[in-house]
Amino acid sequence: MEPIEINAGTWYLRGLRADDRVDDRPALRDGGIDDPGYVAERARQWADEDHFSWAVCEPTTGEMLAEVGVTPHGTDGVVRGWARPGHADALAAATDAVRRFAEGALGLAVADC
């Protein structure tokens, strides 16, 4: 499956990126993630449907403020995320939107972790 974009009200959710137009790696480093293959791994997980993750972004600049994802386990799913300092509100809104997506589009019974 390709990454699916979600409108979460004030926030915009999209797949993680590291290309010539958008680079989420500085924001990931702010979240303690410095693995150079992290973005590629998240893309692979989408393709394999092992884990679905989103960059939670400020819609006018595209700046990544948080990451939220859902991991399916059979018919269940677990939603997890993290936010850069000062952006817990973005994570909360995104978590709700991802939960609705996982339940409605993926048919998962979802729990937060």
N, C-alpha and C. Protein backbone atom coordinates (compact mmCIF):
# COMPACT_ATOMS: atom_id res chain seq x y z
N MET A 1 0.85 -1.17 0.00
CA MET A 1 0.00 0.00 0.00
C MET A 1 0.91 1.24 0.00
N GLU A 2 0.48 2.27 -0.70
CA GLU A 2 1.17 3.56 -0.71
C GLU A 2 0.73 4.37 0.50
N PRO A 3 1.59 5.25 1.03
CA PRO A 3 1.16 6.11 2.14
C PRO A 3 -0.07 6.94 1.77
N ILE A 4 -0.99 7.02 2.69
CA ILE A 4 -2.25 7.75 2.50
C ILE A 4 -2.19 9.02 3.33
N GLU A 5 -2.54 10.14 2.72
CA GLU A 5 -2.56 11.41 3.43
C GLU A 5 -3.86 11.55 4.19
N ILE A 6 -3.77 12.17 5.37
CA ILE A 6 -4.94 12.38 6.23
C ILE A 6 -4.99 13.83 6.65
N ASN A 7 -6.17 14.43 6.58
CA ASN A 7 -6.39 15.76 7.12
C ASN A 7 -6.90 15.57 8.54
N ALA A 8 -6.13 16.09 9.50
CA ALA A 8 -6.51 15.96 10.92
C ALA A 8 -6.87 17.34 11.46
N GLY A 9 -7.75 18.05 10.77
CA GLY A 9 -8.16 19.38 11.21
C GLY A 9 -7.04 20.38 11.00
N THR A 10 -6.42 20.81 12.08
CA THR A 10 -5.34 21.79 12.02
C THR A 10 -4.06 21.19 11.46
N TRP A 11 -3.94 19.88 11.46
CA TRP A 11 -2.70 19.21 11.10
C TRP A 11 -2.88 18.37 9.84
N TYR A 12 -1.79 18.18 9.14
CA TYR A 12 -1.76 17.43 7.90
C TYR A 12 -0.85 16.23 8.11
N LEU A 13 -1.32 15.04 7.79
CA LEU A 13 -0.55 13.81 7.96
C LEU A 13 -0.17 13.26 6.59
N ARG A 14 1.10 12.92 6.45
CA ARG A 14 1.62 12.38 5.20
C ARG A 14 2.71 11.37 5.52
N GLY A 15 3.10 10.59 4.54
CA GLY A 15 4.20 9.66 4.72
C GLY A 15 5.50 10.42 4.98
N LEU A 16 6.40 9.78 5.68
CA LEU A 16 7.71 10.38 5.94
C LEU A 16 8.47 10.55 4.64
N ARG A 17 9.29 11.62 4.58
CA ARG A 17 10.03 11.91 3.34
C ARG A 17 11.46 12.33 3.65
N ALA A 18 12.32 12.03 2.71
CA ALA A 18 13.71 12.50 2.71
C ALA A 18 14.14 12.56 1.25
N ASP A 19 13.74 13.64 0.58
CA ASP A 19 14.06 13.78 -0.84
C ASP A 19 14.48 15.22 -1.11
N ASP A 20 14.56 15.59 -2.38
CA ASP A 20 15.04 16.92 -2.73
C ASP A 20 14.03 18.03 -2.43
N ARG A 21 12.79 17.68 -2.12
CA ARG A 21 11.78 18.70 -1.81
C ARG A 21 11.47 18.80 -0.31
N VAL A 22 11.41 17.64 0.37
CA VAL A 22 11.06 17.60 1.79
C VAL A 22 12.00 16.63 2.48
N ASP A 23 12.56 17.06 3.61
CA ASP A 23 13.46 16.20 4.37
C ASP A 23 13.05 16.21 5.84
N ASP A 24 12.48 15.09 6.29
CA ASP A 24 12.03 14.97 7.68
C ASP A 24 13.15 14.57 8.64
N ARG A 25 14.33 14.28 8.14
CA ARG A 25 15.39 13.78 9.01
C ARG A 25 15.80 14.74 10.13
N PRO A 26 15.85 16.07 9.91
CA PRO A 26 16.15 16.95 11.05
C PRO A 26 15.09 16.86 12.16
N ALA A 27 13.83 16.77 11.80
CA ALA A 27 12.76 16.63 12.79
C ALA A 27 12.86 15.28 13.49
N LEU A 28 13.20 14.24 12.74
CA LEU A 28 13.38 12.91 13.35
C LEU A 28 14.51 12.95 14.37
N ARG A 29 15.60 13.64 14.05
CA ARG A 29 16.69 13.77 15.01
C ARG A 29 16.22 14.46 16.28
N ASP A 30 15.35 15.47 16.14
CA ASP A 30 14.77 16.13 17.33
C ASP A 30 14.00 15.14 18.19
N GLY A 31 13.45 14.11 17.55
CA GLY A 31 12.72 13.07 18.27
C GLY A 31 13.60 11.92 18.72
N GLY A 32 14.93 12.06 18.56
CA GLY A 32 15.85 11.03 19.00
C GLY A 32 16.08 9.92 17.99
N ILE A 33 15.64 10.11 16.76
CA ILE A 33 15.79 9.09 15.72
C ILE A 33 16.86 9.56 14.74
N ASP A 34 18.02 8.90 14.77
CA ASP A 34 19.10 9.33 13.89
C ASP A 34 19.54 8.23 12.92
N ASP A 35 18.73 7.22 12.75
CA ASP A 35 19.01 6.13 11.81
C ASP A 35 18.85 6.67 10.39
N PRO A 36 19.91 6.66 9.55
CA PRO A 36 19.80 7.19 8.19
C PRO A 36 18.83 6.41 7.30
N GLY A 37 18.51 5.17 7.66
CA GLY A 37 17.59 4.37 6.87
C GLY A 37 16.15 4.38 7.38
N TYR A 38 15.87 5.22 8.37
CA TYR A 38 14.55 5.21 9.01
C TYR A 38 13.42 5.52 8.04
N VAL A 39 13.57 6.56 7.22
CA VAL A 39 12.51 6.94 6.28
C VAL A 39 12.28 5.83 5.26
N ALA A 40 13.35 5.25 4.75
CA ALA A 40 13.21 4.14 3.80
C ALA A 40 12.54 2.93 4.45
N GLU A 41 12.86 2.67 5.71
CA GLU A 41 12.23 1.56 6.43
C GLU A 41 10.74 1.80 6.60
N ARG A 42 10.35 3.02 6.93
CA ARG A 42 8.93 3.33 7.05
C ARG A 42 8.22 3.15 5.71
N ALA A 43 8.85 3.52 4.61
CA ALA A 43 8.25 3.31 3.28
C ALA A 43 8.09 1.82 2.99
N ARG A 44 9.10 1.03 3.36
CA ARG A 44 9.02 -0.42 3.16
C ARG A 44 7.87 -1.01 3.97
N GLN A 45 7.70 -0.52 5.20
CA GLN A 45 6.63 -1.03 6.06
C GLN A 45 5.25 -0.72 5.47
N TRP A 46 5.09 0.46 4.86
CA TRP A 46 3.84 0.75 4.17
C TRP A 46 3.62 -0.27 3.05
N ALA A 47 4.64 -0.47 2.23
CA ALA A 47 4.52 -1.38 1.09
C ALA A 47 4.18 -2.80 1.53
N ASP A 48 4.78 -3.23 2.64
CA ASP A 48 4.54 -4.58 3.15
C ASP A 48 3.32 -4.66 4.08
N GLU A 49 2.74 -3.51 4.40
CA GLU A 49 1.59 -3.40 5.31
C GLU A 49 1.90 -3.96 6.70
N ASP A 50 3.15 -3.75 7.15
CA ASP A 50 3.59 -4.15 8.48
C ASP A 50 3.33 -3.07 9.52
N HIS A 51 3.42 -1.82 9.08
CA HIS A 51 3.26 -0.66 9.96
C HIS A 51 2.93 0.53 9.06
N PHE A 52 2.02 1.36 9.53
CA PHE A 52 1.61 2.54 8.77
C PHE A 52 1.94 3.76 9.62
N SER A 53 2.79 4.64 9.11
CA SER A 53 3.21 5.80 9.89
C SER A 53 3.02 7.09 9.10
N TRP A 54 2.85 8.16 9.86
CA TRP A 54 2.64 9.48 9.26
C TRP A 54 3.50 10.52 9.95
N ALA A 55 4.00 11.44 9.14
CA ALA A 55 4.58 12.67 9.67
C ALA A 55 3.41 13.60 9.93
N VAL A 56 3.33 14.13 11.13
CA VAL A 56 2.28 15.09 11.50
C VAL A 56 2.87 16.47 11.23
N CYS A 57 2.26 17.19 10.30
CA CYS A 57 2.88 18.41 9.80
C CYS A 57 2.01 19.64 9.99
N GLU A 58 2.71 20.76 10.10
CA GLU A 58 2.08 22.08 10.07
C GLU A 58 1.70 22.28 8.60
N PRO A 59 0.43 22.55 8.27
CA PRO A 59 0.02 22.51 6.87
C PRO A 59 0.59 23.62 5.98
N THR A 60 0.92 24.76 6.53
CA THR A 60 1.42 25.83 5.65
C THR A 60 2.90 25.70 5.32
N THR A 61 3.68 25.09 6.21
CA THR A 61 5.11 24.94 5.96
C THR A 61 5.52 23.51 5.65
N GLY A 62 4.70 22.54 6.04
CA GLY A 62 5.05 21.14 5.87
C GLY A 62 6.03 20.63 6.92
N GLU A 63 6.37 21.47 7.91
CA GLU A 63 7.32 21.06 8.95
C GLU A 63 6.75 19.90 9.76
N MET A 64 7.56 18.86 9.94
CA MET A 64 7.16 17.71 10.72
C MET A 64 7.24 18.04 12.21
N LEU A 65 6.12 17.85 12.90
CA LEU A 65 6.04 18.15 14.32
C LEU A 65 5.98 16.90 15.19
N ALA A 66 5.52 15.80 14.60
CA ALA A 66 5.34 14.55 15.34
C ALA A 66 5.28 13.41 14.34
N GLU A 67 5.31 12.21 14.87
CA GLU A 67 5.09 11.01 14.06
C GLU A 67 4.10 10.13 14.80
N VAL A 68 3.16 9.57 14.06
CA VAL A 68 2.20 8.65 14.65
C VAL A 68 2.04 7.48 13.69
N GLY A 69 1.83 6.30 14.25
CA GLY A 69 1.68 5.13 13.40
C GLY A 69 0.80 4.08 14.05
N VAL A 70 0.37 3.15 13.22
CA VAL A 70 -0.41 2.02 13.70
C VAL A 70 0.25 0.74 13.19
N THR A 71 0.40 -0.21 14.11
CA THR A 71 0.96 -1.52 13.77
C THR A 71 -0.15 -2.56 13.87
N PRO A 72 -0.49 -3.21 12.76
CA PRO A 72 -1.52 -4.25 12.82
C PRO A 72 -0.97 -5.55 13.38
N HIS A 73 -1.81 -6.21 14.15
CA HIS A 73 -1.53 -7.55 14.68
C HIS A 73 -2.81 -8.35 14.46
N GLY A 74 -2.92 -9.00 13.31
CA GLY A 74 -4.16 -9.69 12.96
C GLY A 74 -5.27 -8.67 12.78
N THR A 75 -6.34 -8.79 13.56
CA THR A 75 -7.46 -7.85 13.46
C THR A 75 -7.36 -6.71 14.47
N ASP A 76 -6.27 -6.69 15.24
CA ASP A 76 -6.04 -5.62 16.21
C ASP A 76 -4.95 -4.70 15.70
N GLY A 77 -4.86 -3.53 16.28
CA GLY A 77 -3.81 -2.59 15.94
C GLY A 77 -3.42 -1.77 17.16
N VAL A 78 -2.17 -1.34 17.18
CA VAL A 78 -1.68 -0.50 18.26
C VAL A 78 -1.20 0.81 17.66
N VAL A 79 -1.68 1.92 18.23
CA VAL A 79 -1.28 3.25 17.78
C VAL A 79 -0.24 3.80 18.74
N ARG A 80 0.86 4.27 18.18
CA ARG A 80 1.94 4.88 18.97
C ARG A 80 2.41 6.14 18.26
N GLY A 81 2.98 7.05 19.03
CA GLY A 81 3.54 8.24 18.42
C GLY A 81 4.44 8.99 19.36
N TRP A 82 5.07 9.99 18.83
CA TRP A 82 5.92 10.88 19.61
C TRP A 82 5.82 12.27 18.98
N ALA A 83 6.12 13.27 19.78
CA ALA A 83 6.06 14.66 19.28
C ALA A 83 7.33 15.39 19.66
N ARG A 84 7.71 16.32 18.81
CA ARG A 84 8.79 17.23 19.14
C ARG A 84 8.32 18.09 20.31
N PRO A 85 9.25 18.61 21.10
CA PRO A 85 8.86 19.43 22.25
C PRO A 85 7.92 20.57 21.85
N GLY A 86 6.84 20.69 22.64
CA GLY A 86 5.86 21.74 22.41
C GLY A 86 4.75 21.40 21.43
N HIS A 87 4.72 20.16 20.95
CA HIS A 87 3.74 19.80 19.92
C HIS A 87 2.87 18.61 20.31
N ALA A 88 2.61 18.46 21.60
CA ALA A 88 1.74 17.37 22.06
C ALA A 88 0.33 17.49 21.49
N ASP A 89 -0.14 18.72 21.25
CA ASP A 89 -1.47 18.91 20.69
C ASP A 89 -1.57 18.33 19.28
N ALA A 90 -0.52 18.48 18.49
CA ALA A 90 -0.52 17.91 17.14
C ALA A 90 -0.57 16.39 17.21
N LEU A 91 0.20 15.80 18.13
CA LEU A 91 0.20 14.35 18.29
C LEU A 91 -1.17 13.85 18.73
N ALA A 92 -1.82 14.54 19.65
CA ALA A 92 -3.14 14.10 20.13
C ALA A 92 -4.16 14.10 19.00
N ALA A 93 -4.20 15.17 18.22
CA ALA A 93 -5.14 15.24 17.10
C ALA A 93 -4.83 14.17 16.06
N ALA A 94 -3.56 13.98 15.76
CA ALA A 94 -3.16 12.98 14.77
C ALA A 94 -3.48 11.57 15.24
N THR A 95 -3.28 11.31 16.52
CA THR A 95 -3.58 9.98 17.06
C THR A 95 -5.05 9.64 16.88
N ASP A 96 -5.92 10.61 17.15
CA ASP A 96 -7.35 10.39 16.94
C ASP A 96 -7.65 10.10 15.48
N ALA A 97 -7.06 10.87 14.57
CA ALA A 97 -7.30 10.67 13.14
C ALA A 97 -6.79 9.31 12.67
N VAL A 98 -5.62 8.91 13.13
CA VAL A 98 -5.06 7.62 12.74
C VAL A 98 -5.90 6.47 13.31
N ARG A 99 -6.38 6.62 14.52
CA ARG A 99 -7.26 5.60 15.10
C ARG A 99 -8.50 5.42 14.22
N ARG A 100 -9.12 6.54 13.82
CA ARG A 100 -10.31 6.46 12.96
C ARG A 100 -9.97 5.79 11.62
N PHE A 101 -8.83 6.14 11.04
CA PHE A 101 -8.40 5.53 9.78
C PHE A 101 -8.21 4.02 9.96
N ALA A 102 -7.51 3.64 11.02
CA ALA A 102 -7.23 2.22 11.26
C ALA A 102 -8.51 1.43 11.46
N GLU A 103 -9.45 2.00 12.18
CA GLU A 103 -10.71 1.30 12.42
C GLU A 103 -11.58 1.26 11.17
N GLY A 104 -11.71 2.41 10.49
CA GLY A 104 -12.60 2.50 9.33
C GLY A 104 -12.03 1.90 8.06
N ALA A 105 -10.80 2.27 7.71
CA ALA A 105 -10.22 1.84 6.44
C ALA A 105 -9.53 0.48 6.54
N LEU A 106 -8.91 0.21 7.68
CA LEU A 106 -8.18 -1.05 7.81
C LEU A 106 -8.96 -2.12 8.57
N GLY A 107 -10.06 -1.75 9.21
CA GLY A 107 -10.89 -2.71 9.94
C GLY A 107 -10.25 -3.25 11.19
N LEU A 108 -9.36 -2.47 11.81
CA LEU A 108 -8.66 -2.92 13.01
C LEU A 108 -9.37 -2.45 14.27
N ALA A 109 -9.32 -3.27 15.30
CA ALA A 109 -9.71 -2.86 16.66
C ALA A 109 -8.44 -2.25 17.27
N VAL A 110 -8.50 -0.97 17.61
CA VAL A 110 -7.29 -0.22 17.94
C VAL A 110 -7.19 0.10 19.42
N ALA A 111 -5.95 -0.02 19.92
CA ALA A 111 -5.61 0.40 21.27
C ALA A 111 -4.45 1.38 21.19
N ASP A 112 -4.40 2.33 22.10
CA ASP A 112 -3.27 3.25 22.18
C ASP A 112 -2.18 2.64 23.04
N CYS A 113 -0.95 2.99 22.73
CA CYS A 113 0.17 2.52 23.54
C CYS A 113 0.99 3.71 23.96
